[in-house]
């Protein structure tokens, strides 16, 4: 099979990580190394404006992802992790607003489209969900244990509970059901303050939810009270605490989350660990998980 790396090269130039077309030598774009890892294209595609254009959006099937070698490295990492007794999570991408942002031009355009053109919005959301389901199927075949789904834009800081329930819940249910059908656990990440969405999130057919950023006003204790014991909670420690606090403060924040999270809680940061987080803070973070039980 023809592997993706026969056509593309990844090079570091200064502080940027670039994708280069091997044939033309042109820069396709740069990878977001500050959070997310997405390719930010040098020449973004034309925005999708019609149902016909939305229907024409393509994505690789699970078979194509495997046959072209896209997940070869992930397979090796998964096998090595399992030999060490580790739990492996695969990231299946966004199903709703993140996918919409990629195809209609950006955040403002996406949010306005949800109001102005619900039919087109739902069509693009369906495409995003279909694409992520194929990624999930491929991950299942290389042996991962769990899938990460969700969209940073689909948060209580951005959309209303009604919009979430109307637009996003059907997509997350479908993605979660597909993951379960492949024998995987599934959890959803959400950025920002999604306290207003917690009642809706309980209907997403998930095994767990991640985030609970205290800098936005969320907490593990309130989230546990709101969703009960049905969901595993993941996260809860502020990224700013990890970055700027002392190791003792990090340990204390982690310990507090563990105690209120209960048995179905996984210690984690509320979002991506900041790039320059001190190693000693991460050691204190891990020590809290090893030292303490609920």
Foldseek 3Di string as FASTA:
>chain_A
DAAPVVQWDWDDDPPWIFIAGPPPRDTQATFDPQADRDGDGPDQDAADDDLVSLVPDDADALVVCVVRCVCVVVLVVQVVCVVVVHAFEDELEEQAQVQNQSHHPHDVRLVVCVVVPVPSRQSNSNVSLVNSLRVLLNVLVSPHAEYEYEDQCLAPVHDALVSCLVRPLVSLLVSQVSNVVSVHAYEYEYDADRPRNLVVVLSNNHQAYAAQAVVRPGALLVSCVSNPPRHQYEAGAELCCQADNDLVSLLVRQLVNQVRNAPRYHYDHNGDNGPRRDPSNVVSNVVSVVPDHD
